Amino acid sequence: MTDLAPKVTAGNRRALARAITLIESGRADHRAQAAELLAALPKREALRIGLSGTPGVGKSTFIESFGLMLVEAGLRVAVLAIDPSSARTGGSILGDKTRMDQLARHPMAFIRPSPSQSHLGGVARRTREAVVACEGAGFDIVLIETVGVGQSETMVAEMCDLFVLLLAPAGGDELQGVKRGIMEIADLIIVNKADGELRAQATRTCADYAGALRLLRKRPQDPDGFPKALMVSALEADGLEPAWLEMQTLLEWRRDTGVWSARRAEQGAFWFREELRRGIEARVMAQGASDVDALEAQVRTGKLLPGAAADVVLAKLFP
C-alpha cells in the first residue's frame, strides 16, 4: 500500500485500476489492505453524477459524447460502468470500453467496467469505495453508470450529487412520468436519440415528461424549475452543452444553500448503516453456519417457514 497509494494520488490510471480491483475483492486480507489504501489517499471532492436508463437507451453513447465534451474543456473524467452479472454463474461481459473507444483512449479519462455480482440497486457493492479512489486520484468528475434494468435503481442516488435518468423517445406510456421510484429521485430527465426520424417523437416525449414532473411534489433540495426534462442527441453531440449548463446551475444552487454538504452527510450515514447491516449478516452466517444449514434443509422440505427458521438462528446468536 505504501507503493500503490502515491501512484494513485499522482493520477496513474494503471495504479487506480489495481486499486479498484483490490477494493472489489472479497478476501479478508484484501479488504484490510483496501481500507488502508483508502485511508492513505487524499480527501478530494469530485462531482459525482449517476446515470441510469433502460437497456438500449444509449447510456454508453451519451457517456462517451458527454465525457469527450468534458475532457475537451480540461476536466478529468472517470467512468464507473456497472454491468449485469449472470444469476447462474456470476460472470459478466464487461464491454463498456469497446463501446466508448474514443473516451477510453483519452489521457484525461478513465473507464472501469465492474460486475454487479447480483447486487441490487443498479450498482456494485463496492462502487462507493471505487468513487472515493477516483476522487483520491484527482478526477474532477465521476460518472456512475448503473446496470439499467428498471424502476428500482435508486441505490445510485445514495452515492452521487446529481442523478440523471436517460429515456428513449416514444416509450409509449406517459403514465411512467408520474410513477414513484426512479422518477421521483431524478434531478434531470434526458430524452436521448433526438435526431433523424426520432426527433419529433423525442420532442413529444420530452413535453410529456416535463408536464408529468410538474405534477410531482416539489423537493426541498431543488430550486424552482427542477427537476427538468431535456432533449439530446448523443450520436450527433447535440444538446450536451445545455444539459451540462443545467447540471451546473442545479449544483451551484445546492452548494450555495448547503444542500450539497447535507446530502453528502446523509449519504455517509446511509452507507455506515449499510456496511453495518452487511457485516452483521456476514457474522451471523459465519457463526451459525451449522445451524443455518440444518434449518435451511427444514425450510426446503416445508417443515419450517423461512421467517420462523430465521428467528431460531437470531434467538441463538442474540439471546
Protein backbone atom coordinates (compact mmCIF):
# COMPACT_ATOMS: atom_id res chain seq x y z
CA MET A 1 0.00 0.00 0.00
CA THR A 2 2.92 2.33 0.62
CA ASP A 3 3.84 1.91 -3.06
CA LEU A 4 0.31 1.94 -4.54
CA ALA A 5 -1.18 4.93 -2.71
CA PRO A 6 1.31 7.55 -4.04
CA LYS A 7 0.82 6.29 -7.60
CA VAL A 8 -2.98 6.54 -7.30
CA THR A 9 -2.64 10.02 -5.76
CA ALA A 10 -0.48 11.07 -8.71
CA GLY A 11 -3.27 10.05 -11.11
CA ASN A 12 -1.64 6.89 -12.51
CA ARG A 13 -4.52 5.13 -14.27
CA ARG A 14 -2.94 1.67 -14.11
CA ALA A 15 -2.42 2.06 -10.36
CA LEU A 16 -6.04 3.21 -9.99
CA ALA A 17 -7.24 0.12 -11.86
CA ARG A 18 -5.21 -2.07 -9.48
CA ALA A 19 -6.63 -0.20 -6.51
CA ILE A 20 -10.24 -0.76 -7.63
CA THR A 21 -9.51 -4.45 -8.21
CA LEU A 22 -8.29 -4.62 -4.63
CA ILE A 23 -11.35 -2.73 -3.37
CA GLU A 24 -13.73 -5.09 -5.18
CA SER A 25 -12.07 -8.22 -3.79
CA GLY A 26 -13.99 -10.19 -1.18
CA ARG A 27 -10.93 -11.69 0.54
CA ALA A 28 -10.49 -10.63 4.17
CA ASP A 29 -6.82 -9.68 3.73
CA HIS A 30 -7.67 -7.64 0.62
CA ARG A 31 -10.47 -5.85 2.49
CA ALA A 32 -7.96 -4.80 5.16
CA GLN A 33 -5.50 -3.61 2.50
CA ALA A 34 -8.25 -1.70 0.68
CA ALA A 35 -9.21 0.10 3.90
CA GLU A 36 -5.55 1.01 4.44
CA LEU A 37 -5.27 2.28 0.88
CA LEU A 38 -8.40 4.44 1.06
CA ALA A 39 -7.20 5.94 4.34
CA ALA A 40 -3.88 6.87 2.71
CA LEU A 41 -5.45 8.68 -0.25
CA PRO A 42 -6.01 12.46 -0.03
CA LYS A 43 -9.57 13.58 0.71
CA ARG A 44 -10.68 15.26 -2.51
CA GLU A 45 -14.18 16.04 -3.73
CA ALA A 46 -15.21 15.30 -7.29
CA LEU A 47 -18.60 15.92 -8.83
CA ARG A 48 -20.44 12.60 -8.72
CA ILE A 49 -23.05 12.09 -11.44
CA GLY A 50 -25.20 8.96 -11.53
CA LEU A 51 -26.77 7.86 -14.82
CA SER A 52 -29.47 5.27 -15.35
CA GLY A 53 -31.85 4.19 -18.08
CA THR A 54 -33.28 1.12 -19.72
CA PRO A 55 -31.03 -1.08 -21.88
CA GLY A 56 -30.72 0.34 -25.38
CA VAL A 57 -31.44 3.94 -24.39
CA GLY A 58 -27.88 4.91 -25.35
CA LYS A 59 -26.19 5.28 -21.94
CA SER A 60 -22.74 4.37 -23.25
CA THR A 61 -23.09 6.65 -26.30
CA PHE A 62 -24.25 9.50 -24.08
CA ILE A 63 -21.40 8.98 -21.60
CA GLU A 64 -18.80 8.93 -24.36
CA SER A 65 -20.13 12.12 -26.04
CA PHE A 66 -20.64 13.86 -22.71
CA GLY A 67 -17.26 12.69 -21.38
CA LEU A 68 -15.43 13.88 -24.51
CA MET A 69 -17.06 17.30 -24.16
CA LEU A 70 -15.89 17.50 -20.53
CA VAL A 71 -12.29 16.39 -21.18
CA GLU A 72 -12.02 18.86 -24.05
CA ALA A 73 -12.99 21.53 -21.50
CA GLY A 74 -9.97 20.49 -19.41
CA LEU A 75 -11.75 18.27 -16.85
CA ARG A 76 -10.55 14.82 -15.80
CA VAL A 77 -13.37 12.28 -16.07
CA ALA A 78 -13.68 8.82 -14.50
CA VAL A 79 -16.44 6.42 -15.57
CA LEU A 80 -17.55 3.53 -13.34
CA ALA A 81 -19.78 1.35 -15.51
CA ILE A 82 -21.73 -1.40 -13.72
CA ASP A 83 -22.62 -4.37 -15.89
CA PRO A 84 -25.17 -7.09 -15.02
CA SER A 85 -23.82 -10.41 -13.79
CA SER A 86 -25.20 -13.82 -14.61
CA ALA A 87 -27.63 -15.11 -11.97
CA ARG A 88 -26.38 -18.63 -12.73
CA THR A 89 -22.61 -18.31 -12.98
CA GLY A 90 -21.90 -14.84 -11.57
CA GLY A 91 -19.91 -14.00 -14.70
CA SER A 92 -20.15 -10.78 -16.73
CA ILE A 93 -19.20 -9.49 -20.15
CA LEU A 94 -17.63 -6.11 -19.39
CA GLY A 95 -17.96 -4.42 -22.77
CA ASP A 96 -18.18 -0.74 -21.91
CA LYS A 97 -14.65 0.11 -23.05
CA THR A 98 -15.40 -1.27 -26.50
CA ARG A 99 -18.49 0.97 -26.73
CA MET A 100 -16.59 4.05 -25.50
CA ASP A 101 -13.43 3.54 -27.51
CA GLN A 102 -12.67 7.24 -28.08
CA LEU A 103 -13.14 8.20 -24.44
CA ALA A 104 -11.23 5.12 -23.25
CA ARG A 105 -8.15 6.24 -25.21
CA HIS A 106 -8.21 9.82 -23.94
CA PRO A 107 -5.42 10.54 -21.42
CA MET A 108 -7.78 12.69 -19.29
CA ALA A 109 -10.33 9.87 -18.90
CA PHE A 110 -10.53 6.58 -17.03
CA ILE A 111 -13.17 3.88 -17.63
CA ARG A 112 -13.69 0.98 -15.26
CA PRO A 113 -16.36 -1.67 -16.00
CA SER A 114 -17.38 -3.70 -12.94
CA PRO A 115 -19.79 -6.61 -12.46
CA SER A 116 -22.87 -6.04 -10.29
CA GLN A 117 -22.42 -9.56 -8.84
CA SER A 118 -26.22 -9.78 -8.40
CA HIS A 119 -26.14 -6.79 -6.02
CA LEU A 120 -29.48 -4.97 -6.19
CA GLY A 121 -29.97 -1.27 -6.82
CA GLY A 122 -28.10 -0.97 -10.12
CA VAL A 123 -24.61 -0.62 -8.63
CA ALA A 124 -21.95 -3.00 -7.35
CA ARG A 125 -21.28 -3.50 -3.65
CA ARG A 126 -18.02 -1.54 -3.63
CA THR A 127 -18.91 1.18 -6.14
CA ARG A 128 -18.90 3.89 -3.49
CA GLU A 129 -15.36 2.99 -2.41
CA ALA A 130 -14.28 2.98 -6.05
CA VAL A 131 -15.67 6.53 -6.32
CA VAL A 132 -13.53 7.57 -3.34
CA ALA A 133 -10.47 6.05 -5.05
CA CYS A 134 -11.20 8.02 -8.24
CA GLU A 135 -11.51 11.20 -6.18
CA GLY A 136 -8.20 10.45 -4.50
CA ALA A 137 -6.65 10.07 -7.96
CA GLY A 138 -7.62 13.66 -8.76
CA PHE A 139 -10.53 13.18 -11.16
CA ASP A 140 -12.86 16.17 -11.37
CA ILE A 141 -15.99 14.27 -12.38
CA VAL A 142 -17.01 10.67 -11.66
CA LEU A 143 -19.80 9.24 -13.84
CA ILE A 144 -21.54 6.19 -12.38
CA GLU A 145 -23.46 4.18 -14.98
CA THR A 146 -25.95 1.75 -13.45
CA VAL A 147 -26.92 -1.65 -14.79
CA GLY A 148 -30.07 -0.15 -16.29
CA VAL A 149 -32.95 -2.54 -15.77
CA GLY A 150 -35.93 -0.65 -14.39
CA GLN A 151 -37.73 1.44 -11.78
CA SER A 152 -35.86 0.21 -8.67
CA GLU A 153 -32.36 1.53 -9.42
CA THR A 154 -32.39 4.06 -6.60
CA MET A 155 -29.22 2.98 -4.76
CA VAL A 156 -27.03 5.13 -7.03
CA ALA A 157 -28.78 8.25 -5.68
CA GLU A 158 -27.13 7.50 -2.31
CA MET A 159 -23.64 7.95 -3.76
CA CYS A 160 -23.95 10.81 -6.24
CA ASP A 161 -24.53 14.57 -6.19
CA LEU A 162 -26.68 14.57 -9.32
CA PHE A 163 -28.86 11.80 -10.72
CA VAL A 164 -29.66 11.77 -14.45
CA LEU A 165 -32.27 9.49 -15.97
CA LEU A 166 -31.96 8.74 -19.70
CA LEU A 167 -35.08 7.90 -21.68
CA ALA A 168 -35.73 6.85 -25.26
CA PRO A 169 -38.32 8.56 -27.48
CA ALA A 170 -41.79 7.03 -27.89
CA GLY A 171 -41.77 4.92 -24.75
CA GLY A 172 -45.49 4.53 -25.27
CA ASP A 173 -46.65 5.10 -21.68
CA GLU A 174 -47.00 8.67 -20.43
CA LEU A 175 -48.05 7.34 -17.00
CA GLN A 176 -44.40 6.41 -16.36
CA GLY A 177 -43.70 10.09 -15.74
CA VAL A 178 -45.71 10.19 -12.51
CA LYS A 179 -44.68 6.79 -11.16
CA ARG A 180 -42.71 6.64 -7.93
CA GLY A 181 -39.30 5.06 -7.57
CA ILE A 182 -36.65 6.17 -10.01
CA MET A 183 -38.73 9.05 -11.41
CA GLU A 184 -39.00 10.99 -8.17
CA ILE A 185 -35.27 10.86 -7.42
CA ALA A 186 -34.14 12.03 -10.88
CA ASP A 187 -32.65 15.53 -10.96
CA LEU A 188 -32.67 15.68 -14.76
CA ILE A 189 -34.58 13.57 -17.26
CA ILE A 190 -32.81 13.48 -20.61
CA VAL A 191 -34.57 12.15 -23.70
CA ASN A 192 -31.79 10.73 -25.87
CA LYS A 193 -31.78 9.90 -29.60
CA ALA A 194 -33.37 13.25 -30.55
CA ASP A 195 -32.15 13.00 -34.12
CA GLY A 196 -33.33 11.89 -37.55
CA GLU A 197 -36.78 10.33 -37.70
CA LEU A 198 -36.99 10.12 -33.91
CA ARG A 199 -36.61 13.86 -33.31
CA ALA A 200 -40.34 14.62 -33.48
CA GLN A 201 -41.12 11.71 -31.15
CA ALA A 202 -38.37 12.86 -28.79
CA THR A 203 -39.93 16.33 -28.67
CA ARG A 204 -43.31 14.85 -27.72
CA THR A 205 -41.78 12.53 -25.13
CA CYS A 206 -39.83 15.40 -23.57
CA ALA A 207 -43.01 17.52 -23.37
CA ASP A 208 -44.92 14.62 -21.79
CA TYR A 209 -42.32 14.16 -19.06
CA ALA A 210 -41.96 17.90 -18.47
CA GLY A 211 -45.71 18.03 -17.81
CA ALA A 212 -45.56 14.96 -15.57
CA LEU A 213 -42.74 16.41 -13.48
CA ARG A 214 -44.88 19.44 -12.67
CA LEU A 215 -47.39 17.10 -11.01
CA LEU A 216 -44.81 15.67 -8.60
CA ARG A 217 -44.36 17.29 -5.22
CA LYS A 218 -41.55 19.89 -5.16
CA ARG A 219 -38.47 18.62 -3.34
CA PRO A 220 -36.63 20.80 -0.79
CA GLN A 221 -33.29 20.10 -2.47
CA ASP A 222 -34.41 21.66 -5.76
CA PRO A 223 -34.68 25.30 -6.88
CA ASP A 224 -37.67 26.45 -8.91
CA GLY A 225 -37.91 24.74 -12.27
CA PHE A 226 -36.22 21.49 -11.25
CA PRO A 227 -36.29 18.63 -11.98
CA LYS A 228 -36.29 19.27 -15.72
CA ALA A 229 -36.76 17.26 -18.90
CA LEU A 230 -34.33 17.92 -21.76
CA MET A 231 -33.56 16.53 -25.22
CA VAL A 232 -30.14 15.47 -26.50
CA SER A 233 -28.66 13.56 -29.38
CA ALA A 234 -25.61 11.75 -28.06
CA LEU A 235 -24.89 10.42 -31.55
CA GLU A 236 -24.67 13.93 -33.02
CA ALA A 237 -23.37 15.54 -29.78
CA ASP A 238 -26.34 17.92 -29.91
CA GLY A 239 -27.83 19.36 -26.70
CA LEU A 240 -24.96 18.25 -24.46
CA GLU A 241 -23.76 21.75 -23.57
CA PRO A 242 -27.24 22.98 -22.50
CA ALA A 243 -27.62 19.83 -20.37
CA TRP A 244 -24.22 20.48 -18.73
CA LEU A 245 -25.22 24.09 -18.02
CA GLU A 246 -28.43 22.92 -16.34
CA MET A 247 -26.41 20.49 -14.20
CA GLN A 248 -24.03 23.27 -13.16
CA THR A 249 -26.94 25.59 -12.32
CA LEU A 250 -28.51 22.99 -10.04
CA LEU A 251 -25.21 22.06 -8.39
CA GLU A 252 -24.24 25.70 -7.73
CA TRP A 253 -27.63 26.31 -6.08
CA ARG A 254 -27.17 23.24 -3.88
CA ARG A 255 -23.68 24.35 -2.85
CA ASP A 256 -24.84 27.87 -2.03
CA THR A 257 -27.82 26.69 0.02
CA GLY A 258 -25.99 23.97 1.95
CA VAL A 259 -27.92 21.12 0.30
CA TRP A 260 -24.69 19.70 -1.16
CA SER A 261 -22.95 19.24 2.22
CA ALA A 262 -26.14 18.00 3.90
CA ARG A 263 -26.59 15.40 1.16
CA ARG A 264 -23.01 14.19 1.49
CA ALA A 265 -23.51 13.84 5.27
CA GLU A 266 -26.73 11.86 4.81
CA GLN A 267 -25.07 9.60 2.27
CA GLY A 268 -22.21 8.89 4.68
CA ALA A 269 -24.68 7.89 7.41
CA PHE A 270 -26.61 5.72 4.93
CA TRP A 271 -23.51 3.80 3.89
CA PHE A 272 -22.40 3.37 7.51
CA ARG A 273 -25.70 1.61 8.27
CA GLU A 274 -25.49 -0.37 5.03
CA GLU A 275 -21.98 -1.64 5.85
CA LEU A 276 -23.10 -2.41 9.41
CA ARG A 277 -26.04 -4.45 8.12
CA ARG A 278 -23.84 -6.40 5.70
CA GLY A 279 -21.22 -7.00 8.39
CA ILE A 280 -23.80 -8.34 10.84
CA GLU A 281 -25.24 -10.60 8.14
CA ALA A 282 -21.77 -11.99 7.34
CA ARG A 283 -21.03 -12.64 11.05
CA VAL A 284 -24.38 -14.35 11.56
CA MET A 285 -23.77 -16.64 8.59
CA ALA A 286 -20.24 -17.45 9.75
CA GLN A 287 -21.00 -18.10 13.44
CA GLY A 288 -24.21 -20.03 12.91
CA ALA A 289 -23.18 -21.92 9.77
CA SER A 290 -24.15 -25.39 11.02
CA ASP A 291 -27.50 -24.19 12.38
CA VAL A 292 -28.19 -22.28 9.18
CA ASP A 293 -27.56 -25.36 7.03
CA ALA A 294 -29.79 -27.57 9.20
CA LEU A 295 -32.62 -25.04 9.30
CA GLU A 296 -32.31 -24.40 5.57
CA ALA A 297 -32.86 -28.12 4.97
CA GLN A 298 -36.07 -27.93 7.02
CA VAL A 299 -37.22 -24.89 5.06
CA ARG A 300 -36.58 -26.75 1.79
CA THR A 301 -38.76 -29.67 2.91
CA GLY A 302 -41.52 -27.38 4.14
CA LYS A 303 -41.16 -28.26 7.83
CA LEU A 304 -40.38 -24.67 8.76
CA LEU A 305 -41.37 -21.32 7.35
CA PRO A 306 -38.44 -19.06 6.35
CA GLY A 307 -39.31 -16.43 8.97
CA ALA A 308 -39.54 -18.97 11.79
CA ALA A 309 -36.21 -20.52 10.80
CA ALA A 310 -34.52 -17.12 10.79
CA ASP A 311 -35.95 -16.38 14.27
CA VAL A 312 -34.35 -19.58 15.59
CA VAL A 313 -30.87 -18.54 14.39
CA LEU A 314 -31.23 -14.96 15.67
CA ALA A 315 -32.52 -16.10 19.08
CA LYS A 316 -29.49 -18.34 19.50
CA LEU A 317 -26.94 -15.74 18.40
CA PHE A 318 -28.62 -12.81 20.21
CA PRO A 319 -30.40 -14.31 23.25
